[in-house]
Amino acid sequence: SLFIDSQSRTEPLNARALLDYLATHQADVLTRLQNNVRITDEVSQALREADRGRVPLDHARRASDENAQLIDIDQVSATVHQH
């Protein structure tokens, strides 16, 4: 099953679970996230812009509005820096 299928559709993604999944299944992606110190700022900015309607993310989400989820970027940032 996909990581996203294990997450609540009404709550932000669990950052720890996301990083554990990446460590197990996508270690190269996790390494790239750890090495790119600007990624959290870039993702955070993109999410803020999307929330303001500046960047349409519907094509990336491929989910209905009621099922769309956003990552709590502050939680991800703190967790990435702990790894």
PDB file of N, CA and C in Angstrom:
ATOM      1  N   SER A   1       0.835  -1.187   0.000  1.00  0.00           N
ATOM      2  CA  SER A   1       0.000   0.000   0.000  1.00  0.00           C
ATOM      3  C   SER A   1       0.880   1.251   0.000  1.00  0.00           C
ATOM      4  N   LEU A   2       0.324   2.327  -0.446  1.00  0.00           N
ATOM      5  CA  LEU A   2       1.044   3.588  -0.493  1.00  0.00           C
ATOM      6  C   LEU A   2       1.040   4.255   0.870  1.00  0.00           C
ATOM      7  N   PHE A   3       2.067   5.033   1.125  1.00  0.00           N
ATOM      8  CA  PHE A   3       2.163   5.771   2.389  1.00  0.00           C
ATOM      9  C   PHE A   3       0.920   6.620   2.618  1.00  0.00           C
ATOM     10  N   ILE A   4       0.501   7.318   1.596  1.00  0.00           N
ATOM     11  CA  ILE A   4      -0.621   8.247   1.733  1.00  0.00           C
ATOM     12  C   ILE A   4      -1.887   7.522   2.159  1.00  0.00           C
ATOM     13  N   ASP A   5      -2.037   6.257   1.754  1.00  0.00           N
ATOM     14  CA  ASP A   5      -3.224   5.488   2.127  1.00  0.00           C
ATOM     15  C   ASP A   5      -3.269   5.176   3.616  1.00  0.00           C
ATOM     16  N   SER A   6      -2.129   5.237   4.281  1.00  0.00           N
ATOM     17  CA  SER A   6      -2.085   4.935   5.713  1.00  0.00           C
ATOM     18  C   SER A   6      -2.338   6.171   6.575  1.00  0.00           C
ATOM     19  N   GLN A   7      -2.492   7.315   5.947  1.00  0.00           N
ATOM     20  CA  GLN A   7      -2.647   8.572   6.679  1.00  0.00           C
ATOM     21  C   GLN A   7      -4.103   9.025   6.702  1.00  0.00           C
ATOM     22  N   SER A   8      -4.466   9.706   7.780  1.00  0.00           N
ATOM     23  CA  SER A   8      -5.801  10.272   7.913  1.00  0.00           C
ATOM     24  C   SER A   8      -6.042  11.273   6.789  1.00  0.00           C
ATOM     25  N   ARG A   9      -7.247  11.290   6.288  1.00  0.00           N
ATOM     26  CA  ARG A   9      -7.583  12.237   5.222  1.00  0.00           C
ATOM     27  C   ARG A   9      -8.018  13.591   5.774  1.00  0.00           C
ATOM     28  N   THR A  10      -8.171  13.681   7.090  1.00  0.00           N
ATOM     29  CA  THR A  10      -8.652  14.931   7.683  1.00  0.00           C
ATOM     30  C   THR A  10      -7.599  15.634   8.526  1.00  0.00           C
ATOM     31  N   GLU A  11      -6.439  15.034   8.684  1.00  0.00           N
ATOM     32  CA  GLU A  11      -5.361  15.598   9.491  1.00  0.00           C
ATOM     33  C   GLU A  11      -4.126  15.816   8.619  1.00  0.00           C
ATOM     34  N   PRO A  12      -3.212  16.691   9.046  1.00  0.00           N
ATOM     35  CA  PRO A  12      -1.944  16.832   8.313  1.00  0.00           C
ATOM     36  C   PRO A  12      -1.188  15.503   8.305  1.00  0.00           C
ATOM     37  N   LEU A  13      -0.364  15.320   7.305  1.00  0.00           N
ATOM     38  CA  LEU A  13       0.449  14.106   7.243  1.00  0.00           C
ATOM     39  C   LEU A  13       1.351  14.017   8.466  1.00  0.00           C
ATOM     40  N   ASN A  14       1.563  12.822   8.949  1.00  0.00           N
ATOM     41  CA  ASN A  14       2.452  12.579  10.076  1.00  0.00           C
ATOM     42  C   ASN A  14       3.884  12.640   9.564  1.00  0.00           C
ATOM     43  N   ALA A  15       4.614  13.660   9.969  1.00  0.00           N
ATOM     44  CA  ALA A  15       5.973  13.875   9.457  1.00  0.00           C
ATOM     45  C   ALA A  15       6.903  12.728   9.815  1.00  0.00           C
ATOM     46  N   ARG A  16       6.818  12.222  11.034  1.00  0.00           N
ATOM     47  CA  ARG A  16       7.686  11.114  11.452  1.00  0.00           C
ATOM     48  C   ARG A  16       7.406   9.879  10.590  1.00  0.00           C
ATOM     49  N   ALA A  17       6.122   9.577  10.373  1.00  0.00           N
ATOM     50  CA  ALA A  17       5.765   8.424   9.546  1.00  0.00           C
ATOM     51  C   ALA A  17       6.246   8.622   8.106  1.00  0.00           C
ATOM     52  N   LEU A  18       6.142   9.849   7.603  1.00  0.00           N
ATOM     53  CA  LEU A  18       6.620  10.139   6.254  1.00  0.00           C
ATOM     54  C   LEU A  18       8.117   9.896   6.141  1.00  0.00           C
ATOM     55  N   LEU A  19       8.878  10.386   7.111  1.00  0.00           N
ATOM     56  CA  LEU A  19      10.329  10.210   7.070  1.00  0.00           C
ATOM     57  C   LEU A  19      10.724   8.752   7.270  1.00  0.00           C
ATOM     58  N   ASP A  20       9.998   8.028   8.121  1.00  0.00           N
ATOM     59  CA  ASP A  20      10.265   6.597   8.282  1.00  0.00           C
ATOM     60  C   ASP A  20      10.003   5.857   6.978  1.00  0.00           C
ATOM     61  N   TYR A  21       8.911   6.224   6.299  1.00  0.00           N
ATOM     62  CA  TYR A  21       8.595   5.614   5.006  1.00  0.00           C
ATOM     63  C   TYR A  21       9.700   5.912   3.997  1.00  0.00           C
ATOM     64  N   LEU A  22      10.121   7.168   3.931  1.00  0.00           N
ATOM     65  CA  LEU A  22      11.188   7.531   2.998  1.00  0.00           C
ATOM     66  C   LEU A  22      12.477   6.786   3.321  1.00  0.00           C
ATOM     67  N   ALA A  23      12.808   6.661   4.590  1.00  0.00           N
ATOM     68  CA  ALA A  23      14.029   5.951   4.983  1.00  0.00           C
ATOM     69  C   ALA A  23      13.983   4.496   4.531  1.00  0.00           C
ATOM     70  N   THR A  24      12.814   3.890   4.590  1.00  0.00           N
ATOM     71  CA  THR A  24      12.665   2.482   4.225  1.00  0.00           C
ATOM     72  C   THR A  24      12.545   2.277   2.721  1.00  0.00           C
ATOM     73  N   HIS A  25      11.769   3.136   2.055  1.00  0.00           N
ATOM     74  CA  HIS A  25      11.423   2.899   0.654  1.00  0.00           C
ATOM     75  C   HIS A  25      12.055   3.870  -0.339  1.00  0.00           C
ATOM     76  N   GLN A  26      12.487   5.024   0.124  1.00  0.00           N
ATOM     77  CA  GLN A  26      13.023   6.055  -0.766  1.00  0.00           C
ATOM     78  C   GLN A  26      14.201   6.750  -0.092  1.00  0.00           C
ATOM     79  N   ALA A  27      15.192   5.980   0.316  1.00  0.00           N
ATOM     80  CA  ALA A  27      16.328   6.534   1.062  1.00  0.00           C
ATOM     81  C   ALA A  27      17.025   7.655   0.294  1.00  0.00           C
ATOM     82  N   ASP A  28      17.076   7.538  -1.028  1.00  0.00           N
ATOM     83  CA  ASP A  28      17.721   8.580  -1.824  1.00  0.00           C
ATOM     84  C   ASP A  28      16.970   9.905  -1.725  1.00  0.00           C
ATOM     85  N   VAL A  29      15.650   9.847  -1.675  1.00  0.00           N
ATOM     86  CA  VAL A  29      14.853  11.066  -1.533  1.00  0.00           C
ATOM     87  C   VAL A  29      15.090  11.685  -0.158  1.00  0.00           C
ATOM     88  N   LEU A  30      15.124  10.853   0.878  1.00  0.00           N
ATOM     89  CA  LEU A  30      15.385  11.357   2.226  1.00  0.00           C
ATOM     90  C   LEU A  30      16.757  12.018   2.298  1.00  0.00           C
ATOM     91  N   THR A  31      17.748  11.406   1.692  1.00  0.00           N
ATOM     92  CA  THR A  31      19.095  11.984   1.673  1.00  0.00           C
ATOM     93  C   THR A  31      19.088  13.336   0.972  1.00  0.00           C
ATOM     94  N   ARG A  32      18.370  13.423  -0.138  1.00  0.00           N
ATOM     95  CA  ARG A  32      18.300  14.697  -0.857  1.00  0.00           C
ATOM     96  C   ARG A  32      17.603  15.758  -0.018  1.00  0.00           C
ATOM     97  N   LEU A  33      16.562  15.369   0.724  1.00  0.00           N
ATOM     98  CA  LEU A  33      15.888  16.321   1.609  1.00  0.00           C
ATOM     99  C   LEU A  33      16.826  16.801   2.703  1.00  0.00           C
ATOM    100  N   GLN A  34      17.605  15.889   3.262  1.00  0.00           N
ATOM    101  CA  GLN A  34      18.538  16.256   4.325  1.00  0.00           C
ATOM    102  C   GLN A  34      19.650  17.160   3.802  1.00  0.00           C
ATOM    103  N   ASN A  35      20.082  16.929   2.574  1.00  0.00           N
ATOM    104  CA  ASN A  35      21.185  17.700   2.005  1.00  0.00           C
ATOM    105  C   ASN A  35      20.758  19.070   1.493  1.00  0.00           C
ATOM    106  N   ASN A  36      19.491  19.242   1.194  1.00  0.00           N
ATOM    107  CA  ASN A  36      19.001  20.513   0.673  1.00  0.00           C
ATOM    108  C   ASN A  36      18.426  21.323   1.828  1.00  0.00           C
ATOM    109  N   VAL A  37      19.260  22.159   2.427  1.00  0.00           N
ATOM    110  CA  VAL A  37      18.830  22.921   3.603  1.00  0.00           C
ATOM    111  C   VAL A  37      17.751  23.948   3.278  1.00  0.00           C
ATOM    112  N   ARG A  38      17.577  24.268   2.009  1.00  0.00           N
ATOM    113  CA  ARG A  38      16.555  25.243   1.622  1.00  0.00           C
ATOM    114  C   ARG A  38      15.219  24.601   1.312  1.00  0.00           C
ATOM    115  N   ILE A  39      15.163  23.268   1.219  1.00  0.00           N
ATOM    116  CA  ILE A  39      13.944  22.611   0.754  1.00  0.00           C
ATOM    117  C   ILE A  39      12.736  22.946   1.619  1.00  0.00           C
ATOM    118  N   THR A  40      12.915  22.991   2.927  1.00  0.00           N
ATOM    119  CA  THR A  40      11.760  23.265   3.780  1.00  0.00           C
ATOM    120  C   THR A  40      11.215  24.663   3.531  1.00  0.00           C
ATOM    121  N   ASP A  41      12.094  25.625   3.311  1.00  0.00           N
ATOM    122  CA  ASP A  41      11.632  26.978   2.996  1.00  0.00           C
ATOM    123  C   ASP A  41      10.919  27.008   1.651  1.00  0.00           C
ATOM    124  N   GLU A  42      11.468  26.292   0.668  1.00  0.00           N
ATOM    125  CA  GLU A  42      10.874  26.276  -0.665  1.00  0.00           C
ATOM    126  C   GLU A  42       9.510  25.595  -0.656  1.00  0.00           C
ATOM    127  N   VAL A  43       9.401  24.469   0.031  1.00  0.00           N
ATOM    128  CA  VAL A  43       8.126  23.760   0.118  1.00  0.00           C
ATOM    129  C   VAL A  43       7.120  24.588   0.909  1.00  0.00           C
ATOM    130  N   SER A  44       7.569  25.167   1.997  1.00  0.00           N
ATOM    131  CA  SER A  44       6.693  26.001   2.811  1.00  0.00           C
ATOM    132  C   SER A  44       6.144  27.168   1.997  1.00  0.00           C
ATOM    133  N   GLN A  45       7.005  27.815   1.228  1.00  0.00           N
ATOM    134  CA  GLN A  45       6.567  28.934   0.393  1.00  0.00           C
ATOM    135  C   GLN A  45       5.569  28.460  -0.660  1.00  0.00           C
ATOM    136  N   ALA A  46       5.841  27.334  -1.297  1.00  0.00           N
ATOM    137  CA  ALA A  46       4.929  26.809  -2.319  1.00  0.00           C
ATOM    138  C   ALA A  46       3.566  26.478  -1.720  1.00  0.00           C
ATOM    139  N   LEU A  47       3.551  25.899  -0.523  1.00  0.00           N
ATOM    140  CA  LEU A  47       2.282  25.582   0.129  1.00  0.00           C
ATOM    141  C   LEU A  47       1.521  26.846   0.512  1.00  0.00           C
ATOM    142  N   ARG A  48       2.232  27.864   1.016  1.00  0.00           N
ATOM    143  CA  ARG A  48       1.566  29.137   1.350  1.00  0.00           C
ATOM    144  C   ARG A  48       0.961  29.763   0.102  1.00  0.00           C
ATOM    145  N   GLU A  49       1.698  29.746  -0.997  1.00  0.00           N
ATOM    146  CA  GLU A  49       1.194  30.316  -2.242  1.00  0.00           C
ATOM    147  C   GLU A  49      -0.009  29.535  -2.745  1.00  0.00           C
ATOM    148  N   ALA A  50       0.039  28.223  -2.608  1.00  0.00           N
ATOM    149  CA  ALA A  50      -1.089  27.396  -3.031  1.00  0.00           C
ATOM    150  C   ALA A  50      -2.319  27.705  -2.186  1.00  0.00           C
ATOM    151  N   ASP A  51      -2.112  27.885  -0.876  1.00  0.00           N
ATOM    152  CA  ASP A  51      -3.226  28.216   0.010  1.00  0.00           C
ATOM    153  C   ASP A  51      -3.848  29.554  -0.358  1.00  0.00           C
ATOM    154  N   ARG A  52      -3.047  30.456  -0.895  1.00  0.00           N
ATOM    155  CA  ARG A  52      -3.553  31.773  -1.308  1.00  0.00           C
ATOM    156  C   ARG A  52      -4.090  31.740  -2.730  1.00  0.00           C
ATOM    157  N   GLY A  53      -4.046  30.580  -3.359  1.00  0.00           N
ATOM    158  CA  GLY A  53      -4.587  30.448  -4.700  1.00  0.00           C
ATOM    159  C   GLY A  53      -3.640  30.861  -5.802  1.00  0.00           C
ATOM    160  N   ARG A  54      -2.372  31.072  -5.485  1.00  0.00           N
ATOM    161  CA  ARG A  54      -1.421  31.504  -6.514  1.00  0.00           C
ATOM    162  C   ARG A  54      -0.888  30.346  -7.344  1.00  0.00           C
ATOM    163  N   VAL A  55      -0.781  29.179  -6.725  1.00  0.00           N
ATOM    164  CA  VAL A  55      -0.222  28.024  -7.427  1.00  0.00           C
ATOM    165  C   VAL A  55      -1.240  26.898  -7.382  1.00  0.00           C
ATOM    166  N   PRO A  56      -1.774  26.497  -8.538  1.00  0.00           N
ATOM    167  CA  PRO A  56      -2.731  25.389  -8.527  1.00  0.00           C
ATOM    168  C   PRO A  56      -2.007  24.064  -8.319  1.00  0.00           C
ATOM    169  N   LEU A  57      -2.338  23.379  -7.233  1.00  0.00           N
ATOM    170  CA  LEU A  57      -1.705  22.095  -6.959  1.00  0.00           C
ATOM    171  C   LEU A  57      -2.645  20.932  -7.246  1.00  0.00           C
ATOM    172  N   ASP A  58      -3.821  21.203  -7.802  1.00  0.00           N
ATOM    173  CA  ASP A  58      -4.770  20.128  -8.059  1.00  0.00           C
ATOM    174  C   ASP A  58      -4.168  19.054  -8.952  1.00  0.00           C
ATOM    175  N   HIS A  59      -3.385  19.454  -9.945  1.00  0.00           N
ATOM    176  CA  HIS A  59      -2.783  18.466 -10.840  1.00  0.00           C
ATOM    177  C   HIS A  59      -1.789  17.589 -10.103  1.00  0.00           C
ATOM    178  N   ALA A  60      -1.154  18.117  -9.067  1.00  0.00           N
ATOM    179  CA  ALA A  60      -0.193  17.330  -8.300  1.00  0.00           C
ATOM    180  C   ALA A  60      -0.886  16.473  -7.251  1.00  0.00           C
ATOM    181  N   ARG A  61      -1.929  16.974  -6.687  1.00  0.00           N
ATOM    182  CA  ARG A  61      -2.621  16.241  -5.622  1.00  0.00           C
ATOM    183  C   ARG A  61      -3.459  15.098  -6.167  1.00  0.00           C
ATOM    184  N   ARG A  62      -4.161  15.360  -7.277  1.00  0.00           N
ATOM    185  CA  ARG A  62      -5.047  14.357  -7.851  1.00  0.00           C
ATOM    186  C   ARG A  62      -6.022  13.816  -6.810  1.00  0.00           C
ATOM    187  N   ALA A  63      -6.546  14.712  -6.007  1.00  0.00           N
ATOM    188  CA  ALA A  63      -7.513  14.314  -4.985  1.00  0.00           C
ATOM    189  C   ALA A  63      -8.587  15.378  -4.906  1.00  0.00           C
ATOM    190  N   SER A  64      -9.745  15.002  -4.452  1.00  0.00           N
ATOM    191  CA  SER A  64     -10.805  15.989  -4.292  1.00  0.00           C
ATOM    192  C   SER A  64     -10.436  16.928  -3.156  1.00  0.00           C
ATOM    193  N   ASP A  65     -11.085  18.087  -3.119  1.00  0.00           N
ATOM    194  CA  ASP A  65     -10.783  19.057  -2.068  1.00  0.00           C
ATOM    195  C   ASP A  65     -10.970  18.452  -0.683  1.00  0.00           C
ATOM    196  N   GLU A  66     -11.987  17.628  -0.517  1.00  0.00           N
ATOM    197  CA  GLU A  66     -12.227  17.068   0.812  1.00  0.00           C
ATOM    198  C   GLU A  66     -11.188  16.035   1.205  1.00  0.00           C
ATOM    199  N   ASN A  67     -10.500  15.446   0.217  1.00  0.00           N
ATOM    200  CA  ASN A  67      -9.483  14.443   0.513  1.00  0.00           C
ATOM    201  C   ASN A  67      -8.069  14.987   0.407  1.00  0.00           C
ATOM    202  N   ALA A  68      -7.922  16.221  -0.071  1.00  0.00           N
ATOM    203  CA  ALA A  68      -6.582  16.793  -0.218  1.00  0.00           C
ATOM    204  C   ALA A  68      -5.969  17.035   1.156  1.00  0.00           C
ATOM    205  N   GLN A  69      -4.655  16.809   1.250  1.00  0.00           N
ATOM    206  CA  GLN A  69      -3.956  16.991   2.516  1.00  0.00           C
ATOM    207  C   GLN A  69      -2.736  17.859   2.287  1.00  0.00           C
ATOM    208  N   LEU A  70      -2.361  18.595   3.331  1.00  0.00           N
ATOM    209  CA  LEU A  70      -1.137  19.379   3.293  1.00  0.00           C
ATOM    210  C   LEU A  70      -0.190  18.846   4.350  1.00  0.00           C
ATOM    211  N   ILE A  71       1.075  18.878   4.057  1.00  0.00           N
ATOM    212  CA  ILE A  71       2.089  18.474   5.022  1.00  0.00           C
ATOM    213  C   ILE A  71       2.304  19.619   5.999  1.00  0.00           C
ATOM    214  N   ASP A  72       2.392  19.313   7.273  1.00  0.00           N
ATOM    215  CA  ASP A  72       2.754  20.312   8.277  1.00  0.00           C
ATOM    216  C   ASP A  72       4.254  20.539   8.132  1.00  0.00           C
ATOM    217  N   ILE A  73       4.643  21.536   7.357  1.00  0.00           N
ATOM    218  CA  ILE A  73       6.036  21.732   6.964  1.00  0.00           C
ATOM    219  C   ILE A  73       6.933  22.013   8.159  1.00  0.00           C
ATOM    220  N   ASP A  74       6.422  22.657   9.196  1.00  0.00           N
ATOM    221  CA  ASP A  74       7.245  22.893  10.379  1.00  0.00           C
ATOM    222  C   ASP A  74       7.593  21.578  11.064  1.00  0.00           C
ATOM    223  N   GLN A  75       6.633  20.662  11.103  1.00  0.00           N
ATOM    224  CA  GLN A  75       6.882  19.354  11.702  1.00  0.00           C
ATOM    225  C   GLN A  75       7.884  18.571  10.860  1.00  0.00           C
ATOM    226  N   VAL A  76       7.745  18.613   9.542  1.00  0.00           N
ATOM    227  CA  VAL A  76       8.685  17.919   8.662  1.00  0.00           C
ATOM    228  C   VAL A  76      10.074  18.506   8.820  1.00  0.00           C
ATOM    229  N   SER A  77      10.165  19.824   8.849  1.00  0.00           N
ATOM    230  CA  SER A  77      11.459  20.483   8.979  1.00  0.00           C
ATOM    231  C   SER A  77      12.162  20.059  10.261  1.00  0.00           C
ATOM    232  N   ALA A  78      11.448  20.073  11.362  1.00  0.00           N
ATOM    233  CA  ALA A  78      12.046  19.687  12.642  1.00  0.00           C
ATOM    234  C   ALA A  78      12.468  18.231  12.626  1.00  0.00           C
ATOM    235  N   THR A  79      11.657  17.378  12.009  1.00  0.00           N
ATOM    236  CA  THR A  79      11.961  15.953  11.971  1.00  0.00           C
ATOM    237  C   THR A  79      13.134  15.665  11.055  1.00  0.00           C
ATOM    238  N   VAL A  80      13.212  16.330   9.901  1.00  0.00           N
ATOM    239  CA  VAL A  80      14.334  16.128   8.980  1.00  0.00           C
ATOM    240  C   VAL A  80      15.636  16.507   9.658  1.00  0.00           C
ATOM    241  N   HIS A  81      15.629  17.599  10.387  1.00  0.00           N
ATOM    242  CA  HIS A  81      16.856  18.045  11.038  1.00  0.00           C
ATOM    243  C   HIS A  81      17.269  17.124  12.177  1.00  0.00           C
ATOM    244  N   GLN A  82      16.330  16.327  12.704  1.00  0.00           N
ATOM    245  CA  GLN A  82      16.651  15.364  13.754  1.00  0.00           C
ATOM    246  C   GLN A  82      17.325  14.126  13.189  1.00  0.00           C
ATOM    247  N   HIS A  83      17.022  13.763  11.933  1.00  0.00           N
ATOM    248  CA  HIS A  83      17.571  12.540  11.324  1.00  0.00           C
ATOM    249  C   HIS A  83      19.038  12.656  11.048  1.00  0.00           C
TER     250      HIS A  83
END
